[in-house]
Amino acid sequence: MAKLKVNGKSHTVDVEEDTPLLWVLRDHIGLTGAKYGCGIAQCGSCTVHIDGVAVRSCVYPLGALSGEEEITTIEGLSEGASHPVQQAWAELDVPQCGYCQPGMIMAVASLLNTNPNPTDEDIDAEITNICRCGTFVRVREGIHLAKTKKA
């Protein structure tokens, strides 16, 4: 049995230690915002925060967690989509199909937590999520808009 703190709530799950966090969140806790995309930590659709740091949950084994970490999913990022990144995404209509966007938003929120005024070069280096629809121009615009909003 493993204990987790997810979006401010405690959970106990009975899964193998090598089970990826993504499957624990989706299949055992019922939080389906993080998506399965590639399974090899390349696309970023599964991005969540562990203690405020963006991680690719599809390859993050449950056994790597102590149970003391705070895990945040897109469902727990803010009340009513009030996070500056979510506001910017809605204002600019960033998503097209939307499949990758929960992971993209989580990656961007983590970037802005550590670097509140990223340059285009910072964005290129840190936001490596893949969007098959190619909304990267709107993502960049959204990041620049979000950094002007207050959390």
C-alpha atoms as a PDB file:
ATOM      1  CA  MET A   1       0.000   0.000   0.000  1.00  0.00           C
ATOM      2  CA  ALA A   2       1.272   3.437  -0.900  1.00  0.00           C
ATOM      3  CA  LYS A   3       0.134   6.788   0.433  1.00  0.00           C
ATOM      4  CA  LEU A   4       0.005   9.823  -1.815  1.00  0.00           C
ATOM      5  CA  LYS A   5      -0.965  13.469  -1.443  1.00  0.00           C
ATOM      6  CA  VAL A   6      -2.675  14.550  -4.637  1.00  0.00           C
ATOM      7  CA  ASN A   7      -4.282  17.963  -5.081  1.00  0.00           C
ATOM      8  CA  GLY A   8      -4.360  18.441  -1.325  1.00  0.00           C
ATOM      9  CA  LYS A   9      -6.049  15.117  -0.539  1.00  0.00           C
ATOM     10  CA  SER A  10      -4.571  11.915   0.881  1.00  0.00           C
ATOM     11  CA  HIS A  11      -4.951   8.679  -1.052  1.00  0.00           C
ATOM     12  CA  THR A  12      -3.949   5.106  -0.333  1.00  0.00           C
ATOM     13  CA  VAL A  13      -3.415   2.837  -3.322  1.00  0.00           C
ATOM     14  CA  ASP A  14      -2.579  -0.832  -3.587  1.00  0.00           C
ATOM     15  CA  VAL A  15      -0.323  -1.089  -6.645  1.00  0.00           C
ATOM     16  CA  GLU A  16       3.138  -2.382  -7.497  1.00  0.00           C
ATOM     17  CA  GLU A  17       6.039   0.024  -6.880  1.00  0.00           C
ATOM     18  CA  ASP A  18       7.012   0.015 -10.554  1.00  0.00           C
ATOM     19  CA  THR A  19       3.550   1.235 -11.642  1.00  0.00           C
ATOM     20  CA  PRO A  20       3.903   4.596 -13.384  1.00  0.00           C
ATOM     21  CA  LEU A  21       2.363   7.510 -11.504  1.00  0.00           C
ATOM     22  CA  LEU A  22       0.191   8.288 -14.541  1.00  0.00           C
ATOM     23  CA  TRP A  23      -1.692   5.010 -14.179  1.00  0.00           C
ATOM     24  CA  VAL A  24      -2.072   5.455 -10.434  1.00  0.00           C
ATOM     25  CA  LEU A  25      -3.592   8.900 -10.986  1.00  0.00           C
ATOM     26  CA  ARG A  26      -5.884   7.807 -13.814  1.00  0.00           C
ATOM     27  CA  ASP A  27      -6.877   4.252 -12.907  1.00  0.00           C
ATOM     28  CA  HIS A  28      -6.757   4.232  -9.116  1.00  0.00           C
ATOM     29  CA  ILE A  29      -7.525   7.816  -8.100  1.00  0.00           C
ATOM     30  CA  GLY A  30      -9.753   8.746 -11.047  1.00  0.00           C
ATOM     31  CA  LEU A  31      -7.938  11.898 -12.165  1.00  0.00           C
ATOM     32  CA  THR A  32      -7.884  11.709 -15.955  1.00  0.00           C
ATOM     33  CA  GLY A  33      -6.525  15.164 -16.832  1.00  0.00           C
ATOM     34  CA  ALA A  34      -2.980  13.861 -17.361  1.00  0.00           C
ATOM     35  CA  LYS A  35      -3.005  11.971 -20.640  1.00  0.00           C
ATOM     36  CA  TYR A  36      -1.086   9.003 -22.008  1.00  0.00           C
ATOM     37  CA  GLY A  37       0.734  10.038 -25.147  1.00  0.00           C
ATOM     38  CA  CYS A  38       4.005   8.264 -25.796  1.00  0.00           C
ATOM     39  CA  GLY A  39       4.888   6.292 -22.667  1.00  0.00           C
ATOM     40  CA  ILE A  40       8.560   7.293 -22.901  1.00  0.00           C
ATOM     41  CA  ALA A  41       8.526  10.807 -21.384  1.00  0.00           C
ATOM     42  CA  GLN A  42       8.913  12.558 -24.711  1.00  0.00           C
ATOM     43  CA  CYS A  43       5.553  14.188 -25.497  1.00  0.00           C
ATOM     44  CA  GLY A  44       4.633  15.665 -22.107  1.00  0.00           C
ATOM     45  CA  SER A  45       0.895  14.902 -22.233  1.00  0.00           C
ATOM     46  CA  CYS A  46       1.270  13.242 -18.829  1.00  0.00           C
ATOM     47  CA  THR A  47       2.979  16.187 -17.098  1.00  0.00           C
ATOM     48  CA  VAL A  48       2.083  16.765 -13.437  1.00  0.00           C
ATOM     49  CA  HIS A  49       3.861  18.593 -10.618  1.00  0.00           C
ATOM     50  CA  ILE A  50       5.676  16.896  -7.774  1.00  0.00           C
ATOM     51  CA  ASP A  51       6.449  19.524  -5.153  1.00  0.00           C
ATOM     52  CA  GLY A  52       5.986  22.190  -7.822  1.00  0.00           C
ATOM     53  CA  VAL A  53       8.344  20.631 -10.362  1.00  0.00           C
ATOM     54  CA  ALA A  54       7.003  19.382 -13.691  1.00  0.00           C
ATOM     55  CA  VAL A  55       7.539  15.640 -14.208  1.00  0.00           C
ATOM     56  CA  ARG A  56       6.486  13.208 -16.900  1.00  0.00           C
ATOM     57  CA  SER A  57       4.269  10.845 -14.945  1.00  0.00           C
ATOM     58  CA  CYS A  58       4.201   8.087 -17.582  1.00  0.00           C
ATOM     59  CA  VAL A  59       7.708   6.989 -16.550  1.00  0.00           C
ATOM     60  CA  TYR A  60       7.735   8.094 -12.904  1.00  0.00           C
ATOM     61  CA  PRO A  61       7.412   4.938 -10.792  1.00  0.00           C
ATOM     62  CA  LEU A  62       5.256   4.996  -7.698  1.00  0.00           C
ATOM     63  CA  GLY A  63       8.172   3.534  -5.727  1.00  0.00           C
ATOM     64  CA  ALA A  64      10.181   6.734  -6.285  1.00  0.00           C
ATOM     65  CA  LEU A  65       7.736   8.622  -4.047  1.00  0.00           C
ATOM     66  CA  SER A  66       7.939   8.723  -0.272  1.00  0.00           C
ATOM     67  CA  GLY A  67       4.319   9.746   0.223  1.00  0.00           C
ATOM     68  CA  GLU A  68       5.319  13.137   1.597  1.00  0.00           C
ATOM     69  CA  GLU A  69       5.433  14.869  -1.775  1.00  0.00           C
ATOM     70  CA  GLU A  70       2.583  17.060  -2.958  1.00  0.00           C
ATOM     71  CA  ILE A  71       1.419  15.907  -6.366  1.00  0.00           C
ATOM     72  CA  THR A  72      -0.593  18.415  -8.384  1.00  0.00           C
ATOM     73  CA  THR A  73      -2.518  17.503 -11.508  1.00  0.00           C
ATOM     74  CA  ILE A  74      -4.335  19.813 -13.901  1.00  0.00           C
ATOM     75  CA  GLU A  75      -7.472  19.195 -11.835  1.00  0.00           C
ATOM     76  CA  GLY A  76      -5.753  20.699  -8.783  1.00  0.00           C
ATOM     77  CA  LEU A  77      -3.859  23.552 -10.424  1.00  0.00           C
ATOM     78  CA  SER A  78      -6.543  26.120  -9.559  1.00  0.00           C
ATOM     79  CA  GLU A  79     -10.162  26.631  -8.616  1.00  0.00           C
ATOM     80  CA  GLY A  80     -12.338  27.390 -11.622  1.00  0.00           C
ATOM     81  CA  ALA A  81      -9.421  27.603 -14.088  1.00  0.00           C
ATOM     82  CA  SER A  82      -8.191  30.760 -12.370  1.00  0.00           C
ATOM     83  CA  HIS A  83      -4.461  30.081 -12.783  1.00  0.00           C
ATOM     84  CA  PRO A  84      -2.799  32.718 -15.001  1.00  0.00           C
ATOM     85  CA  VAL A  85      -1.767  30.080 -17.549  1.00  0.00           C
ATOM     86  CA  GLN A  86      -5.317  28.748 -17.779  1.00  0.00           C
ATOM     87  CA  GLN A  87      -6.641  32.300 -18.135  1.00  0.00           C
ATOM     88  CA  ALA A  88      -4.158  33.088 -20.912  1.00  0.00           C
ATOM     89  CA  TRP A  89      -4.955  29.816 -22.704  1.00  0.00           C
ATOM     90  CA  ALA A  90      -8.675  30.641 -22.683  1.00  0.00           C
ATOM     91  CA  GLU A  91      -8.144  34.261 -23.704  1.00  0.00           C
ATOM     92  CA  LEU A  92      -5.962  33.325 -26.689  1.00  0.00           C
ATOM     93  CA  ASP A  93      -7.819  30.111 -27.574  1.00  0.00           C
ATOM     94  CA  VAL A  94      -4.499  28.254 -27.453  1.00  0.00           C
ATOM     95  CA  PRO A  95      -5.659  24.624 -27.799  1.00  0.00           C
ATOM     96  CA  GLN A  96      -6.810  23.095 -31.026  1.00  0.00           C
ATOM     97  CA  CYS A  97      -7.685  19.471 -30.258  1.00  0.00           C
ATOM     98  CA  GLY A  98      -6.670  19.961 -26.605  1.00  0.00           C
ATOM     99  CA  TYR A  99      -5.240  16.491 -25.931  1.00  0.00           C
ATOM    100  CA  CYS A 100      -1.764  17.721 -25.004  1.00  0.00           C
ATOM    101  CA  GLN A 101      -2.879  20.905 -23.295  1.00  0.00           C
ATOM    102  CA  PRO A 102      -3.230  19.711 -19.672  1.00  0.00           C
ATOM    103  CA  GLY A 103       0.411  18.606 -19.782  1.00  0.00           C
ATOM    104  CA  MET A 104       1.427  21.762 -21.633  1.00  0.00           C
ATOM    105  CA  ILE A 105      -0.299  23.960 -19.045  1.00  0.00           C
ATOM    106  CA  MET A 106       1.381  22.073 -16.195  1.00  0.00           C
ATOM    107  CA  ALA A 107       4.805  22.433 -17.830  1.00  0.00           C
ATOM    108  CA  VAL A 108       4.255  26.155 -18.402  1.00  0.00           C
ATOM    109  CA  ALA A 109       3.000  26.703 -14.838  1.00  0.00           C
ATOM    110  CA  SER A 110       6.168  25.044 -13.526  1.00  0.00           C
ATOM    111  CA  LEU A 111       8.345  27.186 -15.803  1.00  0.00           C
ATOM    112  CA  LEU A 112       6.663  30.384 -14.596  1.00  0.00           C
ATOM    113  CA  ASN A 113       7.076  29.296 -10.968  1.00  0.00           C
ATOM    114  CA  THR A 114      10.841  29.076 -11.420  1.00  0.00           C
ATOM    115  CA  ASN A 115      11.260  31.798 -14.044  1.00  0.00           C
ATOM    116  CA  PRO A 116       8.465  34.403 -13.914  1.00  0.00           C
ATOM    117  CA  ASN A 117       9.798  36.297 -16.939  1.00  0.00           C
ATOM    118  CA  PRO A 118      11.074  33.715 -19.442  1.00  0.00           C
ATOM    119  CA  THR A 119      12.550  34.746 -22.752  1.00  0.00           C
ATOM    120  CA  ASP A 120      11.777  32.915 -25.981  1.00  0.00           C
ATOM    121  CA  GLU A 121      15.073  31.072 -25.512  1.00  0.00           C
ATOM    122  CA  ASP A 122      14.029  29.997 -21.991  1.00  0.00           C
ATOM    123  CA  ILE A 123      10.695  28.791 -23.354  1.00  0.00           C
ATOM    124  CA  ASP A 124      12.406  26.799 -26.108  1.00  0.00           C
ATOM    125  CA  ALA A 125      14.742  25.184 -23.584  1.00  0.00           C
ATOM    126  CA  GLU A 126      12.120  24.340 -20.954  1.00  0.00           C
ATOM    127  CA  ILE A 127       8.868  23.638 -22.788  1.00  0.00           C
ATOM    128  CA  THR A 128       9.595  20.463 -24.705  1.00  0.00           C
ATOM    129  CA  ASN A 129       6.030  19.142 -24.784  1.00  0.00           C
ATOM    130  CA  ILE A 130       4.797  18.039 -28.191  1.00  0.00           C
ATOM    131  CA  CYS A 131       1.595  19.344 -29.775  1.00  0.00           C
ATOM    132  CA  ARG A 132       0.603  17.378 -32.861  1.00  0.00           C
ATOM    133  CA  CYS A 133      -1.731  20.193 -33.935  1.00  0.00           C
ATOM    134  CA  GLY A 134       1.211  22.600 -33.998  1.00  0.00           C
ATOM    135  CA  THR A 135      -0.168  25.283 -31.685  1.00  0.00           C
ATOM    136  CA  PHE A 136       3.344  26.247 -30.602  1.00  0.00           C
ATOM    137  CA  VAL A 137       2.980  29.871 -31.753  1.00  0.00           C
ATOM    138  CA  ARG A 138      -0.155  30.289 -29.605  1.00  0.00           C
ATOM    139  CA  VAL A 139       1.543  28.449 -26.723  1.00  0.00           C
ATOM    140  CA  ARG A 140       4.408  30.956 -26.813  1.00  0.00           C
ATOM    141  CA  GLU A 141       1.921  33.861 -26.946  1.00  0.00           C
ATOM    142  CA  GLY A 142       0.046  32.282 -24.038  1.00  0.00           C
ATOM    143  CA  ILE A 143       3.211  32.036 -21.964  1.00  0.00           C
ATOM    144  CA  HIS A 144       4.016  35.689 -22.563  1.00  0.00           C
ATOM    145  CA  LEU A 145       0.447  36.689 -21.665  1.00  0.00           C
ATOM    146  CA  ALA A 146       0.377  34.477 -18.555  1.00  0.00           C
ATOM    147  CA  LYS A 147       3.544  36.035 -17.178  1.00  0.00           C
ATOM    148  CA  THR A 148       1.764  39.418 -17.109  1.00  0.00           C
ATOM    149  CA  LYS A 149      -1.126  38.054 -15.017  1.00  0.00           C
ATOM    150  CA  LYS A 150      -0.990  37.695 -11.239  1.00  0.00           C
ATOM    151  CA  ALA A 151      -1.378  34.260  -9.690  1.00  0.00           C
END
